[in-house]
Amino acid sequence: MGERKVNGRMLLGKSASSITLMGSTVIDLRDIEVPASGMHIEVIAIMGETRIIVSPDMLVHLSVVPIMGEAISRADVPFGSNNQGILEIGGVALMGSVSVRVVP
């Protein structure tokens, strides 16, 4: 039931995970560069909130499943783009919220 703030240093490889239980997590990814092979973050938000902050030029594909919750992305992959350098965000929002916001 607290708050956690992390930045791109949490991503040591091509994937990472975050679990939020009745609290909030802010993941700031503005200072990272997604490799051409892509990157994956698995997010689980149970009765809590996970906010992911990305830069305007980052390509994001959100596939979080909301169950009595919400999953919202303000960043997205443009139609017709290739699959290189995409940040994939998957997981579950169970009575919680996962949001992706673009901040310069």
PDB file of N, CA and C in Angstrom:
ATOM      1  N   MET A   1       0.828  -1.193   0.000  1.00  0.00           N
ATOM      2  CA  MET A   1       0.000   0.000   0.000  1.00  0.00           C
ATOM      3  C   MET A   1       0.872   1.256   0.000  1.00  0.00           C
ATOM      4  N   GLY A   2       1.969   1.156  -0.707  1.00  0.00           N
ATOM      5  CA  GLY A   2       2.883   2.281  -0.791  1.00  0.00           C
ATOM      6  C   GLY A   2       3.108   2.686  -2.226  1.00  0.00           C
ATOM      7  N   GLU A   3       4.153   3.481  -2.414  1.00  0.00           N
ATOM      8  CA  GLU A   3       4.481   3.975  -3.758  1.00  0.00           C
ATOM      9  C   GLU A   3       5.929   3.610  -4.081  1.00  0.00           C
ATOM     10  N   ARG A   4       6.143   3.209  -5.336  1.00  0.00           N
ATOM     11  CA  ARG A   4       7.486   2.850  -5.796  1.00  0.00           C
ATOM     12  C   ARG A   4       7.746   3.585  -7.095  1.00  0.00           C
ATOM     13  N   LYS A   5       8.949   4.138  -7.221  1.00  0.00           N
ATOM     14  CA  LYS A   5       9.355   4.813  -8.458  1.00  0.00           C
ATOM     15  C   LYS A   5      10.651   4.173  -8.932  1.00  0.00           C
ATOM     16  N   VAL A   6      10.658   3.749 -10.203  1.00  0.00           N
ATOM     17  CA  VAL A   6      11.859   3.155 -10.791  1.00  0.00           C
ATOM     18  C   VAL A   6      12.105   3.795 -12.150  1.00  0.00           C
ATOM     19  N   ASN A   7      13.342   3.636 -12.635  1.00  0.00           N
ATOM     20  CA  ASN A   7      13.658   4.177 -13.957  1.00  0.00           C
ATOM     21  C   ASN A   7      14.183   3.066 -14.851  1.00  0.00           C
ATOM     22  N   GLY A   8      14.721   3.428 -15.994  1.00  0.00           N
ATOM     23  CA  GLY A   8      15.151   2.460 -16.989  1.00  0.00           C
ATOM     24  C   GLY A   8      16.276   1.548 -16.547  1.00  0.00           C
ATOM     25  N   ARG A   9      16.949   1.853 -15.446  1.00  0.00           N
ATOM     26  CA  ARG A   9      18.022   0.988 -14.965  1.00  0.00           C
ATOM     27  C   ARG A   9      17.501  -0.364 -14.488  1.00  0.00           C
ATOM     28  N   MET A  10      16.181  -0.482 -14.274  1.00  0.00           N
ATOM     29  CA  MET A  10      15.608  -1.771 -13.864  1.00  0.00           C
ATOM     30  C   MET A  10      15.664  -2.783 -14.994  1.00  0.00           C
ATOM     31  N   LEU A  11      15.830  -2.303 -16.223  1.00  0.00           N
ATOM     32  CA  LEU A  11      15.868  -3.175 -17.389  1.00  0.00           C
ATOM     33  C   LEU A  11      17.307  -3.593 -17.676  1.00  0.00           C
ATOM     34  N   LEU A  12      17.698  -4.720 -17.144  1.00  0.00           N
ATOM     35  CA  LEU A  12      19.066  -5.195 -17.358  1.00  0.00           C
ATOM     36  C   LEU A  12      19.197  -5.987 -18.646  1.00  0.00           C
ATOM     37  N   GLY A  13      18.101  -6.546 -19.124  1.00  0.00           N
ATOM     38  CA  GLY A  13      18.120  -7.328 -20.350  1.00  0.00           C
ATOM     39  C   GLY A  13      17.035  -6.862 -21.283  1.00  0.00           C
ATOM     40  N   LYS A  14      16.442  -7.833 -21.977  1.00  0.00           N
ATOM     41  CA  LYS A  14      15.382  -7.517 -22.926  1.00  0.00           C
ATOM     42  C   LYS A  14      14.001  -7.615 -22.300  1.00  0.00           C
ATOM     43  N   SER A  15      13.933  -7.979 -21.006  1.00  0.00           N
ATOM     44  CA  SER A  15      12.624  -8.090 -20.368  1.00  0.00           C
ATOM     45  C   SER A  15      12.727  -7.753 -18.892  1.00  0.00           C
ATOM     46  N   ALA A  16      11.581  -7.378 -18.322  1.00  0.00           N
ATOM     47  CA  ALA A  16      11.490  -7.061 -16.903  1.00  0.00           C
ATOM     48  C   ALA A  16      10.048  -7.274 -16.469  1.00  0.00           C
ATOM     49  N   SER A  17       9.835  -7.302 -15.168  1.00  0.00           N
ATOM     50  CA  SER A  17       8.470  -7.452 -14.662  1.00  0.00           C
ATOM     51  C   SER A  17       8.261  -6.520 -13.485  1.00  0.00           C
ATOM     52  N   SER A  18       6.986  -6.182 -13.260  1.00  0.00           N
ATOM     53  CA  SER A  18       6.613  -5.314 -12.162  1.00  0.00           C
ATOM     54  C   SER A  18       5.285  -5.795 -11.595  1.00  0.00           C
ATOM     55  N   ILE A  19       5.230  -5.951 -10.276  1.00  0.00           N
ATOM     56  CA  ILE A  19       3.991  -6.356  -9.604  1.00  0.00           C
ATOM     57  C   ILE A  19       3.622  -5.268  -8.617  1.00  0.00           C
ATOM     58  N   THR A  20       2.392  -4.779  -8.718  1.00  0.00           N
ATOM     59  CA  THR A  20       1.887  -3.757  -7.804  1.00  0.00           C
ATOM     60  C   THR A  20       0.645  -4.295  -7.125  1.00  0.00           C
ATOM     61  N   LEU A  21       0.656  -4.341  -5.792  1.00  0.00           N
ATOM     62  CA  LEU A  21      -0.464  -4.858  -5.018  1.00  0.00           C
ATOM     63  C   LEU A  21      -0.945  -3.770  -4.074  1.00  0.00           C
ATOM     64  N   MET A  22      -2.113  -3.223  -4.358  1.00  0.00           N
ATOM     65  CA  MET A  22      -2.747  -2.196  -3.536  1.00  0.00           C
ATOM     66  C   MET A  22      -1.832  -0.993  -3.276  1.00  0.00           C
ATOM     67  N   GLY A  23      -1.133  -0.570  -4.298  1.00  0.00           N
ATOM     68  CA  GLY A  23      -0.253   0.585  -4.192  1.00  0.00           C
ATOM     69  C   GLY A  23      -0.079   1.220  -5.549  1.00  0.00           C
ATOM     70  N   SER A  24       1.021   1.924  -5.730  1.00  0.00           N
ATOM     71  CA  SER A  24       1.280   2.532  -7.035  1.00  0.00           C
ATOM     72  C   SER A  24       2.750   2.391  -7.389  1.00  0.00           C
ATOM     73  N   THR A  25       2.974   2.224  -8.689  1.00  0.00           N
ATOM     74  CA  THR A  25       4.329   2.127  -9.233  1.00  0.00           C
ATOM     75  C   THR A  25       4.433   3.059 -10.423  1.00  0.00           C
ATOM     76  N   VAL A  26       5.514   3.823 -10.476  1.00  0.00           N
ATOM     77  CA  VAL A  26       5.811   4.679 -11.613  1.00  0.00           C
ATOM     78  C   VAL A  26       7.113   4.164 -12.227  1.00  0.00           C
ATOM     79  N   ILE A  27       7.052   3.788 -13.510  1.00  0.00           N
ATOM     80  CA  ILE A  27       8.223   3.313 -14.237  1.00  0.00           C
ATOM     81  C   ILE A  27       8.567   4.353 -15.296  1.00  0.00           C
ATOM     82  N   ASP A  28       9.688   5.026 -15.124  1.00  0.00           N
ATOM     83  CA  ASP A  28      10.108   6.091 -16.035  1.00  0.00           C
ATOM     84  C   ASP A  28      11.131   5.517 -17.023  1.00  0.00           C
ATOM     85  N   LEU A  29      10.728   5.384 -18.278  1.00  0.00           N
ATOM     86  CA  LEU A  29      11.582   4.800 -19.310  1.00  0.00           C
ATOM     87  C   LEU A  29      12.057   5.822 -20.335  1.00  0.00           C
ATOM     88  N   ARG A  30      12.009   7.089 -19.994  1.00  0.00           N
ATOM     89  CA  ARG A  30      12.395   8.125 -20.952  1.00  0.00           C
ATOM     90  C   ARG A  30      13.884   8.121 -21.256  1.00  0.00           C
ATOM     91  N   ASP A  31      14.709   7.583 -20.379  1.00  0.00           N
ATOM     92  CA  ASP A  31      16.159   7.650 -20.586  1.00  0.00           C
ATOM     93  C   ASP A  31      16.748   6.379 -21.187  1.00  0.00           C
ATOM     94  N   ILE A  32      15.914   5.486 -21.723  1.00  0.00           N
ATOM     95  CA  ILE A  32      16.441   4.260 -22.317  1.00  0.00           C
ATOM     96  C   ILE A  32      16.246   4.271 -23.825  1.00  0.00           C
ATOM     97  N   GLU A  33      17.019   3.439 -24.483  1.00  0.00           N
ATOM     98  CA  GLU A  33      16.868   3.226 -25.915  1.00  0.00           C
ATOM     99  C   GLU A  33      16.493   1.763 -26.127  1.00  0.00           C
ATOM    100  N   VAL A  34      15.345   1.530 -26.759  1.00  0.00           N
ATOM    101  CA  VAL A  34      14.882   0.169 -26.995  1.00  0.00           C
ATOM    102  C   VAL A  34      15.730  -0.442 -28.117  1.00  0.00           C
ATOM    103  N   PRO A  35      16.313  -1.622 -27.883  1.00  0.00           N
ATOM    104  CA  PRO A  35      17.118  -2.240 -28.942  1.00  0.00           C
ATOM    105  C   PRO A  35      16.257  -2.620 -30.143  1.00  0.00           C
ATOM    106  N   ALA A  36      16.896  -2.838 -31.283  1.00  0.00           N
ATOM    107  CA  ALA A  36      16.162  -3.184 -32.503  1.00  0.00           C
ATOM    108  C   ALA A  36      15.366  -4.470 -32.348  1.00  0.00           C
ATOM    109  N   SER A  37      15.835  -5.372 -31.489  1.00  0.00           N
ATOM    110  CA  SER A  37      15.115  -6.630 -31.267  1.00  0.00           C
ATOM    111  C   SER A  37      13.891  -6.447 -30.375  1.00  0.00           C
ATOM    112  N   GLY A  38      13.701  -5.274 -29.791  1.00  0.00           N
ATOM    113  CA  GLY A  38      12.545  -4.997 -28.955  1.00  0.00           C
ATOM    114  C   GLY A  38      12.815  -5.275 -27.488  1.00  0.00           C
ATOM    115  N   MET A  39      11.821  -4.965 -26.667  1.00  0.00           N
ATOM    116  CA  MET A  39      11.917  -5.134 -25.235  1.00  0.00           C
ATOM    117  C   MET A  39      10.529  -5.491 -24.707  1.00  0.00           C
ATOM    118  N   HIS A  40      10.459  -6.249 -23.608  1.00  0.00           N
ATOM    119  CA  HIS A  40       9.170  -6.674 -23.062  1.00  0.00           C
ATOM    120  C   HIS A  40       9.121  -6.398 -21.561  1.00  0.00           C
ATOM    121  N   ILE A  41       8.003  -5.816 -21.121  1.00  0.00           N
ATOM    122  CA  ILE A  41       7.755  -5.607 -19.696  1.00  0.00           C
ATOM    123  C   ILE A  41       6.439  -6.285 -19.353  1.00  0.00           C
ATOM    124  N   GLU A  42       6.458  -7.127 -18.343  1.00  0.00           N
ATOM    125  CA  GLU A  42       5.262  -7.805 -17.857  1.00  0.00           C
ATOM    126  C   GLU A  42       4.802  -7.076 -16.598  1.00  0.00           C
ATOM    127  N   VAL A  43       3.556  -6.588 -16.612  1.00  0.00           N
ATOM    128  CA  VAL A  43       3.033  -5.777 -15.519  1.00  0.00           C
ATOM    129  C   VAL A  43       1.818  -6.466 -14.915  1.00  0.00           C
ATOM    130  N   ILE A  44       1.797  -6.553 -13.591  1.00  0.00           N
ATOM    131  CA  ILE A  44       0.628  -7.058 -12.870  1.00  0.00           C
ATOM    132  C   ILE A  44       0.228  -5.987 -11.864  1.00  0.00           C
ATOM    133  N   ALA A  45      -0.988  -5.476 -11.985  1.00  0.00           N
ATOM    134  CA  ALA A  45      -1.502  -4.459 -11.070  1.00  0.00           C
ATOM    135  C   ALA A  45      -2.779  -5.001 -10.439  1.00  0.00           C
ATOM    136  N   ILE A  46      -2.719  -5.305  -9.145  1.00  0.00           N
ATOM    137  CA  ILE A  46      -3.878  -5.849  -8.420  1.00  0.00           C
ATOM    138  C   ILE A  46      -4.331  -4.797  -7.425  1.00  0.00           C
ATOM    139  N   MET A  47      -5.499  -4.243  -7.666  1.00  0.00           N
ATOM    140  CA  MET A  47      -6.078  -3.200  -6.825  1.00  0.00           C
ATOM    141  C   MET A  47      -5.088  -2.045  -6.608  1.00  0.00           C
ATOM    142  N   GLY A  48      -4.296  -1.764  -7.634  1.00  0.00           N
ATOM    143  CA  GLY A  48      -3.311  -0.698  -7.571  1.00  0.00           C
ATOM    144  C   GLY A  48      -3.124  -0.068  -8.935  1.00  0.00           C
ATOM    145  N   GLU A  49      -2.109   0.756  -9.037  1.00  0.00           N
ATOM    146  CA  GLU A  49      -1.890   1.506 -10.275  1.00  0.00           C
ATOM    147  C   GLU A  49      -0.425   1.422 -10.692  1.00  0.00           C
ATOM    148  N   THR A  50      -0.203   1.164 -11.981  1.00  0.00           N
ATOM    149  CA  THR A  50       1.137   1.211 -12.559  1.00  0.00           C
ATOM    150  C   THR A  50       1.108   2.212 -13.697  1.00  0.00           C
ATOM    151  N   ARG A  51       1.974   3.237 -13.599  1.00  0.00           N
ATOM    152  CA  ARG A  51       2.100   4.247 -14.651  1.00  0.00           C
ATOM    153  C   ARG A  51       3.465   4.081 -15.296  1.00  0.00           C
ATOM    154  N   ILE A  52       3.471   4.005 -16.615  1.00  0.00           N
ATOM    155  CA  ILE A  52       4.709   3.875 -17.368  1.00  0.00           C
ATOM    156  C   ILE A  52       4.882   5.138 -18.199  1.00  0.00           C
ATOM    157  N   ILE A  53       6.015   5.810 -18.018  1.00  0.00           N
ATOM    158  CA  ILE A  53       6.286   7.066 -18.713  1.00  0.00           C
ATOM    159  C   ILE A  53       7.312   6.789 -19.800  1.00  0.00           C
ATOM    160  N   VAL A  54       6.994   7.181 -21.033  1.00  0.00           N
ATOM    161  CA  VAL A  54       7.888   6.960 -22.169  1.00  0.00           C
ATOM    162  C   VAL A  54       8.140   8.277 -22.899  1.00  0.00           C
ATOM    163  N   SER A  55       9.182   8.300 -23.723  1.00  0.00           N
ATOM    164  CA  SER A  55       9.494   9.480 -24.533  1.00  0.00           C
ATOM    165  C   SER A  55       8.600   9.503 -25.778  1.00  0.00           C
ATOM    166  N   PRO A  56       8.448  10.659 -26.418  1.00  0.00           N
ATOM    167  CA  PRO A  56       7.555  10.768 -27.580  1.00  0.00           C
ATOM    168  C   PRO A  56       7.937   9.895 -28.765  1.00  0.00           C
ATOM    169  N   ASP A  57       9.206   9.547 -28.911  1.00  0.00           N
ATOM    170  CA  ASP A  57       9.621   8.762 -30.064  1.00  0.00           C
ATOM    171  C   ASP A  57       9.630   7.249 -29.810  1.00  0.00           C
ATOM    172  N   MET A  58       9.220   6.815 -28.623  1.00  0.00           N
ATOM    173  CA  MET A  58       9.226   5.392 -28.306  1.00  0.00           C
ATOM    174  C   MET A  58       7.971   4.712 -28.846  1.00  0.00           C
ATOM    175  N   LEU A  59       8.159   3.579 -29.520  1.00  0.00           N
ATOM    176  CA  LEU A  59       7.042   2.794 -30.046  1.00  0.00           C
ATOM    177  C   LEU A  59       6.590   1.806 -28.975  1.00  0.00           C
ATOM    178  N   VAL A  60       5.303   1.834 -28.629  1.00  0.00           N
ATOM    179  CA  VAL A  60       4.776   1.027 -27.529  1.00  0.00           C
ATOM    180  C   VAL A  60       3.581   0.222 -28.008  1.00  0.00           C
ATOM    181  N   HIS A  61       3.576  -1.062 -27.643  1.00  0.00           N
ATOM    182  CA  HIS A  61       2.420  -1.923 -27.900  1.00  0.00           C
ATOM    183  C   HIS A  61       1.919  -2.422 -26.550  1.00  0.00           C
ATOM    184  N   LEU A  62       0.718  -1.992 -26.149  1.00  0.00           N
ATOM    185  CA  LEU A  62       0.142  -2.360 -24.860  1.00  0.00           C
ATOM    186  C   LEU A  62      -0.837  -3.503 -25.044  1.00  0.00           C
ATOM    187  N   SER A  63      -0.588  -4.609 -24.354  1.00  0.00           N
ATOM    188  CA  SER A  63      -1.506  -5.749 -24.431  1.00  0.00           C
ATOM    189  C   SER A  63      -1.857  -6.249 -23.034  1.00  0.00           C
ATOM    190  N   VAL A  64      -2.071  -5.330 -22.123  1.00  0.00           N
ATOM    191  CA  VAL A  64      -2.479  -5.663 -20.759  1.00  0.00           C
ATOM    192  C   VAL A  64      -3.968  -5.991 -20.766  1.00  0.00           C
ATOM    193  N   VAL A  65      -4.329  -7.062 -20.065  1.00  0.00           N
ATOM    194  CA  VAL A  65      -5.726  -7.486 -19.977  1.00  0.00           C
ATOM    195  C   VAL A  65      -6.346  -6.874 -18.726  1.00  0.00           C
ATOM    196  N   PRO A  66      -7.350  -5.999 -18.876  1.00  0.00           N
ATOM    197  CA  PRO A  66      -8.011  -5.439 -17.699  1.00  0.00           C
ATOM    198  C   PRO A  66      -9.176  -6.327 -17.252  1.00  0.00           C
ATOM    199  N   ILE A  67      -9.169  -6.698 -15.990  1.00  0.00           N
ATOM    200  CA  ILE A  67     -10.272  -7.453 -15.399  1.00  0.00           C
ATOM    201  C   ILE A  67     -10.827  -6.587 -14.276  1.00  0.00           C
ATOM    202  N   MET A  68     -11.985  -6.005 -14.521  1.00  0.00           N
ATOM    203  CA  MET A  68     -12.580  -5.037 -13.607  1.00  0.00           C
ATOM    204  C   MET A  68     -11.598  -3.895 -13.310  1.00  0.00           C
ATOM    205  N   GLY A  69     -10.826  -3.529 -14.323  1.00  0.00           N
ATOM    206  CA  GLY A  69      -9.842  -2.466 -14.206  1.00  0.00           C
ATOM    207  C   GLY A  69      -9.690  -1.762 -15.533  1.00  0.00           C
ATOM    208  N   GLU A  70      -8.529  -1.115 -15.758  1.00  0.00           N
ATOM    209  CA  GLU A  70      -8.323  -0.418 -17.019  1.00  0.00           C
ATOM    210  C   GLU A  70      -6.881  -0.522 -17.479  1.00  0.00           C
ATOM    211  N   ALA A  71      -6.706  -0.449 -18.789  1.00  0.00           N
ATOM    212  CA  ALA A  71      -5.393  -0.421 -19.428  1.00  0.00           C
ATOM    213  C   ALA A  71      -5.459   0.620 -20.537  1.00  0.00           C
ATOM    214  N   ILE A  72      -4.709   1.700 -20.384  1.00  0.00           N
ATOM    215  CA  ILE A  72      -4.781   2.837 -21.309  1.00  0.00           C
ATOM    216  C   ILE A  72      -3.380   3.195 -21.785  1.00  0.00           C
ATOM    217  N   SER A  73      -3.243   3.424 -23.097  1.00  0.00           N
ATOM    218  CA  SER A  73      -1.965   3.854 -23.652  1.00  0.00           C
ATOM    219  C   SER A  73      -2.144   5.137 -24.441  1.00  0.00           C
ATOM    220  N   ARG A  74      -1.326   6.126 -24.121  1.00  0.00           N
ATOM    221  CA  ARG A  74      -1.291   7.379 -24.885  1.00  0.00           C
ATOM    222  C   ARG A  74      -0.216   7.314 -25.963  1.00  0.00           C
ATOM    223  N   ALA A  75       0.585   6.241 -25.945  1.00  0.00           N
ATOM    224  CA  ALA A  75       1.618   6.009 -26.964  1.00  0.00           C
ATOM    225  C   ALA A  75       1.235   4.742 -27.691  1.00  0.00           C
ATOM    226  N   ASP A  76       1.589   4.644 -28.934  1.00  0.00           N
ATOM    227  CA  ASP A  76       1.202   3.459 -29.689  1.00  0.00           C
ATOM    228  C   ASP A  76       2.149   3.257 -30.854  1.00  0.00           C
ATOM    229  N   VAL A  77       1.991   2.120 -31.502  1.00  0.00           N
ATOM    230  CA  VAL A  77       2.773   1.807 -32.692  1.00  0.00           C
ATOM    231  C   VAL A  77       1.998   2.325 -33.898  1.00  0.00           C
ATOM    232  N   PRO A  78       2.607   3.158 -34.736  1.00  0.00           N
ATOM    233  CA  PRO A  78       1.905   3.656 -35.917  1.00  0.00           C
ATOM    234  C   PRO A  78       1.531   2.522 -36.870  1.00  0.00           C
ATOM    235  N   PHE A  79       0.411   2.654 -37.519  1.00  0.00           N
ATOM    236  CA  PHE A  79      -0.055   1.639 -38.462  1.00  0.00           C
ATOM    237  C   PHE A  79       0.956   1.496 -39.595  1.00  0.00           C
ATOM    238  N   GLY A  80       1.266   0.259 -39.938  1.00  0.00           N
ATOM    239  CA  GLY A  80       2.173  -0.002 -41.045  1.00  0.00           C
ATOM    240  C   GLY A  80       3.644   0.050 -40.695  1.00  0.00           C
ATOM    241  N   SER A  81       3.974   0.242 -39.403  1.00  0.00           N
ATOM    242  CA  SER A  81       5.387   0.289 -39.036  1.00  0.00           C
ATOM    243  C   SER A  81       5.960  -1.123 -38.907  1.00  0.00           C
ATOM    244  N   ASN A  82       7.277  -1.225 -38.974  1.00  0.00           N
ATOM    245  CA  ASN A  82       7.897  -2.539 -38.810  1.00  0.00           C
ATOM    246  C   ASN A  82       7.941  -2.900 -37.323  1.00  0.00           C
ATOM    247  N   ASN A  83       8.367  -4.100 -37.019  1.00  0.00           N
ATOM    248  CA  ASN A  83       8.350  -4.573 -35.635  1.00  0.00           C
ATOM    249  C   ASN A  83       9.673  -4.348 -34.911  1.00  0.00           C
ATOM    250  N   GLN A  84      10.508  -3.492 -35.413  1.00  0.00           N
ATOM    251  CA  GLN A  84      11.795  -3.260 -34.776  1.00  0.00           C
ATOM    252  C   GLN A  84      11.703  -2.147 -33.744  1.00  0.00           C
ATOM    253  N   GLY A  85      12.358  -2.363 -32.611  1.00  0.00           N
ATOM    254  CA  GLY A  85      12.448  -1.332 -31.585  1.00  0.00           C
ATOM    255  C   GLY A  85      11.163  -1.045 -30.845  1.00  0.00           C
ATOM    256  N   ILE A  86      10.295  -2.034 -30.705  1.00  0.00           N
ATOM    257  CA  ILE A  86       9.008  -1.825 -30.041  1.00  0.00           C
ATOM    258  C   ILE A  86       9.094  -2.276 -28.591  1.00  0.00           C
ATOM    259  N   LEU A  87       8.564  -1.458 -27.697  1.00  0.00           N
ATOM    260  CA  LEU A  87       8.425  -1.820 -26.296  1.00  0.00           C
ATOM    261  C   LEU A  87       7.079  -2.515 -26.125  1.00  0.00           C
ATOM    262  N   GLU A  88       7.105  -3.794 -25.801  1.00  0.00           N
ATOM    263  CA  GLU A  88       5.889  -4.581 -25.588  1.00  0.00           C
ATOM    264  C   GLU A  88       5.569  -4.562 -24.097  1.00  0.00           C
ATOM    265  N   ILE A  89       4.353  -4.172 -23.756  1.00  0.00           N
ATOM    266  CA  ILE A  89       3.922  -4.171 -22.362  1.00  0.00           C
ATOM    267  C   ILE A  89       2.715  -5.092 -22.260  1.00  0.00           C
ATOM    268  N   GLY A  90       2.855  -6.169 -21.512  1.00  0.00           N
ATOM    269  CA  GLY A  90       1.783  -7.137 -21.336  1.00  0.00           C
ATOM    270  C   GLY A  90       1.500  -7.331 -19.862  1.00  0.00           C
ATOM    271  N   GLY A  91       0.460  -8.093 -19.579  1.00  0.00           N
ATOM    272  CA  GLY A  91       0.159  -8.389 -18.187  1.00  0.00           C
ATOM    273  C   GLY A  91      -1.317  -8.319 -17.882  1.00  0.00           C
ATOM    274  N   VAL A  92      -1.624  -8.039 -16.605  1.00  0.00           N
ATOM    275  CA  VAL A  92      -2.999  -8.040 -16.115  1.00  0.00           C
ATOM    276  C   VAL A  92      -3.215  -6.852 -15.191  1.00  0.00           C
ATOM    277  N   ALA A  93      -4.382  -6.221 -15.316  1.00  0.00           N
ATOM    278  CA  ALA A  93      -4.820  -5.191 -14.380  1.00  0.00           C
ATOM    279  C   ALA A  93      -6.093  -5.711 -13.718  1.00  0.00           C
ATOM    280  N   LEU A  94      -5.948  -6.291 -12.534  1.00  0.00           N
ATOM    281  CA  LEU A  94      -7.075  -6.882 -11.816  1.00  0.00           C
ATOM    282  C   LEU A  94      -7.589  -5.869 -10.804  1.00  0.00           C
ATOM    283  N   MET A  95      -8.733  -5.293 -11.090  1.00  0.00           N
ATOM    284  CA  MET A  95      -9.302  -4.219 -10.267  1.00  0.00           C
ATOM    285  C   MET A  95      -8.270  -3.110 -10.042  1.00  0.00           C
ATOM    286  N   GLY A  96      -7.431  -2.902 -11.061  1.00  0.00           N
ATOM    287  CA  GLY A  96      -6.383  -1.899 -10.990  1.00  0.00           C
ATOM    288  C   GLY A  96      -6.230  -1.188 -12.312  1.00  0.00           C
ATOM    289  N   SER A  97      -5.138  -0.473 -12.461  1.00  0.00           N
ATOM    290  CA  SER A  97      -4.944   0.355 -13.645  1.00  0.00           C
ATOM    291  C   SER A  97      -3.497   0.281 -14.119  1.00  0.00           C
ATOM    292  N   VAL A  98      -3.329   0.158 -15.449  1.00  0.00           N
ATOM    293  CA  VAL A  98      -2.019   0.278 -16.087  1.00  0.00           C
ATOM    294  C   VAL A  98      -2.152   1.337 -17.157  1.00  0.00           C
ATOM    295  N   SER A  99      -1.303   2.352 -17.085  1.00  0.00           N
ATOM    296  CA  SER A  99      -1.379   3.426 -18.084  1.00  0.00           C
ATOM    297  C   SER A  99       0.015   3.740 -18.610  1.00  0.00           C
ATOM    298  N   VAL A 100       0.062   4.082 -19.891  1.00  0.00           N
ATOM    299  CA  VAL A 100       1.295   4.509 -20.553  1.00  0.00           C
ATOM    300  C   VAL A 100       1.100   5.960 -20.951  1.00  0.00           C
ATOM    301  N   ARG A 101       2.019   6.809 -20.511  1.00  0.00           N
ATOM    302  CA  ARG A 101       1.922   8.236 -20.809  1.00  0.00           C
ATOM    303  C   ARG A 101       3.194   8.710 -21.512  1.00  0.00           C
ATOM    304  N   VAL A 102       3.018   9.628 -22.442  1.00  0.00           N
ATOM    305  CA  VAL A 102       4.138  10.210 -23.178  1.00  0.00           C
ATOM    306  C   VAL A 102       4.495  11.542 -22.547  1.00  0.00           C
ATOM    307  N   VAL A 103       5.759  11.643 -22.119  1.00  0.00           N
ATOM    308  CA  VAL A 103       6.248  12.880 -21.518  1.00  0.00           C
ATOM    309  C   VAL A 103       7.595  13.196 -22.143  1.00  0.00           C
ATOM    310  N   PRO A 104       7.760  14.393 -22.707  1.00  0.00           N
ATOM    311  CA  PRO A 104       9.056  14.747 -23.321  1.00  0.00           C
ATOM    312  C   PRO A 104      10.169  14.877 -22.293  1.00  0.00           C
TER     313      PRO A 104
END
